[in-house]
Amino acid sequence: MTRVLYFHGFASSPASAKITALRPLLKPHGIELDTPDLNVPSFSQLDWNAMVERAMERAQANPPQAIAGSSLGALVALEIVRRGVELPLVLIAPAIGVGAQWKTRLPEGDPVMVWNHDLNANAPIHRAFFDQMNEVDADAQPPRTRVIAFMGRRDETVPFELVEETWQRWESIGLAPGSRLVVFDEGDHGLTAYVRDIADAIVNTVS
């Protein structure tokens, strides 16, 4: 089997809808998704550095042929490539600028109650995590490896314009040959309606 390391998004898990939908599409191509749980040390005490450390450890323990990430998981993917895990990337609705977005939307108090997709209910998370995310700059420079990014114009979580601007900035600095931004005019943040396109990109990335 060909291994692809896949990082789920914020308030999600390895049992996410996209991962569940992608597995049967990739299996006939001999591709297995390695999906570590990034809710470390726990969702309520979520820590960016611990997330990245777990991702690095998994990449080193079970070397993949490519890395994929959804939303916040896309930032984790960018960060471990920056730290030397130089493999092709597939980014799904990457959470560019999410720290600044959260800063303007968070309610008062600590902990903060947010919708947790894995629990299908509101769940508490300490405010320190959002403070951490204000300092994350995983997208500051273009990745040194080939990257395919998927983004919906109707994304309700990450502004499409911000991702488009970031991509254009990356292009001006220099992206690896074969890199491309795929835009779905009707796509939302989940992009579950486009899992076949994402699966095809993963297949092409490792073939």
Foldseek 3Di string as FASTA:
>chain_A
DAEEEEEEAQLEFCPDPLNVVLQVVQVVVVYDYDYDGQQPPHVQARDPVSSLVVVLVCCVVPPGQEYEYAACGQLSVLQVLVVPSVHEYEYELHNPPLLVVCVVVFDDDAFGWDQRPHVRGTDTHGPVRSVVVVPRDSLVEEGAYAYEYEDECAAPRHHPVRVVVSVVVNVVVNHDPPHDYHYDDHDYRVNSVPSSVSSVVVSVRND
